[in-house]
Structure formats: structure tokens, C-alpha cells
């Protein structure tokens, strides 16, 4: 779930930029800003920090396994080359 506190703060800051003559509807403007920001963020393909960290850990494990497999293939290729040379 996305933390709404930064959205609330941004909506407050935006409403504070409204000219003084329009400030009587400040709370309503703030709520409108907040709704627009939330709507815009909802359209984005975002993930939570927790989801990001889980995928990061999966990628790290996958990278470690790939490196181990690359090393194993290199060793097997070296052995295969040595075996071919010895048999000729």
C-alpha cells in the first residue's frame, strides 16, 4: 500500500500556493489536489518498498546461481578440452 502522508503534505503545499483571494475554499482545494494526486499515482504501475525488496532478493539469488552455473560450465569445458587433448 502506498503511504498517503507525502500525498497529504503535497496537497497542503499546493493549496498554500493558491492566491489569498481564493483561500476560502482552501480545504476543498486541498482535497481536490489530494484526489488528483491519488488518481494519478493509481494509474502508475508502482510497487511497494516491500515488494521491491522481495524482487531484489530474488534477483540477487538468481544472479548468484547464474554465476555458479557459468563457473561450472567453464570447468566442464576445460575438462572436456583436456580430455580431448589427452585422447588424441
N, C-alpha and C. Protein backbone atom coordinates (compact mmCIF):
# COMPACT_ATOMS: atom_id res chain seq x y z
N UNK A 1 0.85 -1.18 0.00
CA UNK A 1 0.00 0.00 0.00
C UNK A 1 0.89 1.24 0.00
N UNK A 2 0.48 2.22 -0.73
CA UNK A 2 1.25 3.47 -0.85
C UNK A 2 0.99 4.34 0.37
N UNK A 3 2.06 4.90 0.92
CA UNK A 3 1.96 5.81 2.07
C UNK A 3 1.34 7.11 1.60
N UNK A 4 0.20 7.49 2.18
CA UNK A 4 -0.52 8.69 1.76
C UNK A 4 -0.03 9.97 2.43
N UNK A 5 0.82 9.88 3.44
CA UNK A 5 1.31 11.07 4.12
C UNK A 5 2.01 12.04 3.17
N UNK A 6 2.91 11.58 2.29
CA UNK A 6 3.53 12.53 1.36
C UNK A 6 2.50 13.17 0.41
N UNK A 7 1.46 12.43 0.05
CA UNK A 7 0.42 12.99 -0.81
C UNK A 7 -0.34 14.07 -0.06
N UNK A 8 -0.67 13.82 1.19
CA UNK A 8 -1.34 14.83 2.02
C UNK A 8 -0.49 16.09 2.13
N UNK A 9 0.80 15.89 2.38
CA UNK A 9 1.71 17.03 2.53
C UNK A 9 1.80 17.81 1.23
N UNK A 10 1.92 17.12 0.11
CA UNK A 10 1.99 17.81 -1.18
C UNK A 10 0.69 18.56 -1.47
N UNK A 11 -0.44 17.97 -1.15
CA UNK A 11 -1.73 18.65 -1.34
C UNK A 11 -1.80 19.92 -0.48
N UNK A 12 -1.32 19.85 0.76
CA UNK A 12 -1.29 21.03 1.63
C UNK A 12 -0.39 22.12 1.04
N UNK A 13 0.77 21.71 0.54
CA UNK A 13 1.70 22.68 -0.03
C UNK A 13 1.12 23.33 -1.28
N UNK A 14 0.45 22.54 -2.11
CA UNK A 14 -0.18 23.10 -3.30
C UNK A 14 -1.28 24.09 -2.94
N UNK A 15 -2.08 23.72 -1.94
CA UNK A 15 -3.17 24.63 -1.55
C UNK A 15 -2.63 25.91 -0.93
N UNK A 16 -1.45 25.84 -0.32
CA UNK A 16 -0.87 27.06 0.27
C UNK A 16 -0.37 28.02 -0.81
N UNK A 17 -0.19 27.53 -2.03
CA UNK A 17 0.27 28.37 -3.14
C UNK A 17 -0.87 29.12 -3.83
N UNK A 18 -2.08 28.79 -3.44
CA UNK A 18 -3.25 29.44 -4.04
C UNK A 18 -3.30 30.89 -3.59
N UNK A 19 -3.61 31.82 -4.51
CA UNK A 19 -3.69 33.24 -4.14
C UNK A 19 -4.66 33.48 -2.97
N UNK A 20 -4.37 34.48 -2.14
CA UNK A 20 -5.18 34.75 -0.94
C UNK A 20 -6.67 34.92 -1.22
N UNK A 21 -7.06 35.48 -2.34
CA UNK A 21 -8.47 35.69 -2.64
C UNK A 21 -9.24 34.40 -2.83
N UNK A 22 -8.54 33.31 -3.12
CA UNK A 22 -9.20 32.02 -3.36
C UNK A 22 -9.07 31.07 -2.17
N UNK A 23 -8.50 31.54 -1.09
CA UNK A 23 -8.19 30.65 0.02
C UNK A 23 -9.40 30.25 0.86
N UNK A 24 -10.54 30.90 0.68
CA UNK A 24 -11.69 30.48 1.49
C UNK A 24 -12.11 29.05 1.15
N UNK A 25 -11.81 28.60 -0.04
CA UNK A 25 -12.10 27.21 -0.41
C UNK A 25 -10.86 26.34 -0.30
N UNK A 26 -9.95 26.74 0.57
CA UNK A 26 -8.65 26.06 0.69
C UNK A 26 -8.78 24.57 1.03
N UNK A 27 -9.63 24.24 1.98
CA UNK A 27 -9.78 22.82 2.36
C UNK A 27 -10.32 22.01 1.19
N UNK A 28 -11.27 22.60 0.48
CA UNK A 28 -11.83 21.90 -0.68
C UNK A 28 -10.76 21.73 -1.76
N UNK A 29 -9.98 22.78 -1.99
CA UNK A 29 -8.89 22.69 -2.96
C UNK A 29 -7.88 21.63 -2.54
N UNK A 30 -7.57 21.61 -1.26
CA UNK A 30 -6.61 20.62 -0.75
C UNK A 30 -7.13 19.22 -1.01
N UNK A 31 -8.40 18.98 -0.75
CA UNK A 31 -8.98 17.65 -1.00
C UNK A 31 -8.97 17.33 -2.50
N UNK A 32 -9.24 18.33 -3.33
CA UNK A 32 -9.20 18.12 -4.79
C UNK A 32 -7.78 17.79 -5.25
N UNK A 33 -6.79 18.54 -4.74
CA UNK A 33 -5.40 18.25 -5.07
C UNK A 33 -5.05 16.81 -4.67
N UNK A 34 -5.46 16.45 -3.47
CA UNK A 34 -5.18 15.11 -2.96
C UNK A 34 -5.81 14.05 -3.85
N UNK A 35 -7.06 14.26 -4.25
CA UNK A 35 -7.76 13.30 -5.11
C UNK A 35 -7.07 13.17 -6.46
N UNK A 36 -6.66 14.31 -7.03
CA UNK A 36 -5.98 14.28 -8.33
C UNK A 36 -4.64 13.55 -8.21
N UNK A 37 -3.90 13.83 -7.15
CA UNK A 37 -2.61 13.15 -6.95
C UNK A 37 -2.79 11.66 -6.77
N UNK A 38 -3.76 11.26 -5.96
CA UNK A 38 -4.01 9.84 -5.74
C UNK A 38 -4.43 9.16 -7.04
N UNK A 39 -5.28 9.81 -7.80
CA UNK A 39 -5.73 9.25 -9.07
C UNK A 39 -4.56 9.08 -10.03
N UNK A 40 -3.70 10.08 -10.10
CA UNK A 40 -2.54 10.00 -10.97
C UNK A 40 -1.59 8.88 -10.55
N UNK A 41 -1.36 8.75 -9.26
CA UNK A 41 -0.48 7.69 -8.77
C UNK A 41 -1.10 6.31 -8.97
N UNK A 42 -2.42 6.21 -8.86
CA UNK A 42 -3.09 4.93 -9.04
C UNK A 42 -2.93 4.42 -10.46
N UNK A 43 -2.78 5.33 -11.40
CA UNK A 43 -2.62 4.94 -12.81
C UNK A 43 -1.21 4.44 -13.11
N UNK A 44 -0.27 4.77 -12.25
CA UNK A 44 1.11 4.34 -12.45
C UNK A 44 1.27 2.89 -12.00
N UNK A 45 2.20 2.21 -12.60
CA UNK A 45 2.46 0.81 -12.25
C UNK A 45 3.53 0.79 -11.15
N UNK A 46 3.10 1.06 -9.91
CA UNK A 46 4.03 1.17 -8.79
C UNK A 46 3.96 -0.07 -7.91
N UNK A 47 5.05 -0.33 -7.21
CA UNK A 47 5.08 -1.42 -6.23
C UNK A 47 5.50 -0.83 -4.89
N UNK A 48 5.18 -1.56 -3.84
CA UNK A 48 5.59 -1.11 -2.51
C UNK A 48 7.08 -1.39 -2.32
N UNK A 49 7.66 -0.77 -1.32
CA UNK A 49 9.07 -0.99 -0.99
C UNK A 49 9.29 -2.47 -0.65
N UNK A 50 8.33 -3.07 0.07
CA UNK A 50 8.44 -4.48 0.44
C UNK A 50 8.48 -5.37 -0.81
N UNK A 51 7.58 -5.12 -1.75
CA UNK A 51 7.56 -5.91 -2.99
C UNK A 51 8.87 -5.72 -3.76
N UNK A 52 9.36 -4.49 -3.79
CA UNK A 52 10.62 -4.20 -4.46
C UNK A 52 11.76 -4.99 -3.83
N UNK A 53 11.83 -4.98 -2.50
CA UNK A 53 12.92 -5.67 -1.80
C UNK A 53 12.85 -7.18 -2.01
N UNK A 54 11.65 -7.74 -2.05
CA UNK A 54 11.49 -9.18 -2.31
C UNK A 54 12.04 -9.51 -3.70
N UNK A 55 11.66 -8.72 -4.69
CA UNK A 55 12.15 -8.96 -6.05
C UNK A 55 13.65 -8.74 -6.17
N UNK A 56 14.16 -7.80 -5.41
CA UNK A 56 15.60 -7.55 -5.40
C UNK A 56 16.35 -8.77 -4.86
N UNK A 57 15.82 -9.36 -3.78
CA UNK A 57 16.44 -10.55 -3.19
C UNK A 57 16.38 -11.73 -4.16
N UNK A 58 15.25 -11.88 -4.85
CA UNK A 58 15.11 -12.96 -5.83
C UNK A 58 16.14 -12.76 -6.95
N UNK A 59 16.28 -11.54 -7.42
CA UNK A 59 17.26 -11.26 -8.48
C UNK A 59 18.67 -11.55 -8.01
N UNK A 60 19.00 -11.19 -6.79
CA UNK A 60 20.33 -11.45 -6.26
C UNK A 60 20.61 -12.95 -6.21
N UNK A 61 19.65 -13.74 -5.70
CA UNK A 61 19.83 -15.19 -5.66
C UNK A 61 19.97 -15.77 -7.06
N UNK A 62 19.18 -15.27 -7.99
CA UNK A 62 19.26 -15.74 -9.37
C UNK A 62 20.62 -15.43 -9.98
N UNK A 63 21.11 -14.24 -9.72
CA UNK A 63 22.43 -13.84 -10.23
C UNK A 63 23.52 -14.73 -9.64
N UNK A 64 23.43 -15.05 -8.36
CA UNK A 64 24.41 -15.93 -7.72
C UNK A 64 24.38 -17.32 -8.34
N UNK A 65 23.19 -17.84 -8.60
CA UNK A 65 23.06 -19.17 -9.22
C UNK A 65 23.62 -19.14 -10.64
N UNK A 66 23.36 -18.07 -11.38
CA UNK A 66 23.87 -17.95 -12.74
C UNK A 66 25.39 -17.94 -12.75
N UNK A 67 25.99 -17.19 -11.83
CA UNK A 67 27.45 -17.14 -11.75
C UNK A 67 28.02 -18.51 -11.42
N UNK A 68 27.37 -19.24 -10.52
CA UNK A 68 27.83 -20.58 -10.17
C UNK A 68 27.73 -21.51 -11.37
N UNK A 69 26.64 -21.41 -12.12
CA UNK A 69 26.48 -22.24 -13.31
C UNK A 69 27.50 -21.88 -14.39
N UNK A 70 27.79 -20.60 -14.55
CA UNK A 70 28.80 -20.18 -15.52
C UNK A 70 30.17 -20.75 -15.16
N UNK A 71 30.47 -20.73 -13.88
CA UNK A 71 31.75 -21.28 -13.41
C UNK A 71 31.79 -22.79 -13.66
N UNK A 72 30.70 -23.49 -13.39
CA UNK A 72 30.64 -24.93 -13.62
C UNK A 72 30.81 -25.25 -15.10
N UNK A 73 30.14 -24.50 -15.96
CA UNK A 73 30.27 -24.73 -17.41
C UNK A 73 31.71 -24.50 -17.85
N UNK A 74 32.35 -23.47 -17.34
CA UNK A 74 33.74 -23.19 -17.70
C UNK A 74 34.64 -24.35 -17.26
N UNK A 75 34.40 -24.88 -16.06
CA UNK A 75 35.19 -26.00 -15.58
C UNK A 75 34.97 -27.23 -16.45
N UNK A 76 33.72 -27.50 -16.80
CA UNK A 76 33.41 -28.66 -17.64
C UNK A 76 34.03 -28.50 -19.04
N UNK A 77 33.99 -27.29 -19.58
CA UNK A 77 34.62 -27.04 -20.88
C UNK A 77 36.12 -27.26 -20.81
N UNK A 78 36.73 -26.84 -19.70
CA UNK A 78 38.17 -27.04 -19.52
C UNK A 78 38.49 -28.52 -19.45
N UNK A 79 37.70 -29.27 -18.69
CA UNK A 79 37.90 -30.72 -18.58
C UNK A 79 37.68 -31.39 -19.93
N UNK A 80 36.67 -30.99 -20.64
CA UNK A 80 36.37 -31.58 -21.94
C UNK A 80 37.52 -31.30 -22.90
N UNK A 81 38.08 -30.11 -22.85
CA UNK A 81 39.23 -29.78 -23.69
C UNK A 81 40.45 -30.59 -23.32
N UNK A 82 40.66 -30.79 -22.04
CA UNK A 82 41.79 -31.59 -21.56
C UNK A 82 41.60 -33.04 -21.95
N UNK A 83 40.38 -33.57 -21.83
CA UNK A 83 40.09 -34.96 -22.19
C UNK A 83 40.28 -35.17 -23.68
N UNK A 84 39.86 -34.24 -24.50
CA UNK A 84 40.01 -34.36 -25.95
C UNK A 84 41.48 -34.34 -26.36
N UNK A 85 42.28 -33.51 -25.68
CA UNK A 85 43.70 -33.41 -25.98
C UNK A 85 44.42 -34.69 -25.58
N UNK A 86 44.04 -35.25 -24.42
CA UNK A 86 44.68 -36.45 -23.91
C UNK A 86 44.34 -37.66 -24.77
N UNK A 87 43.19 -37.71 -25.38
CA UNK A 87 42.79 -38.87 -26.15
C UNK A 87 43.33 -38.85 -27.57
N UNK A 88 43.89 -37.70 -28.03
CA UNK A 88 44.45 -37.62 -29.38
C UNK A 88 45.87 -37.90 -29.38
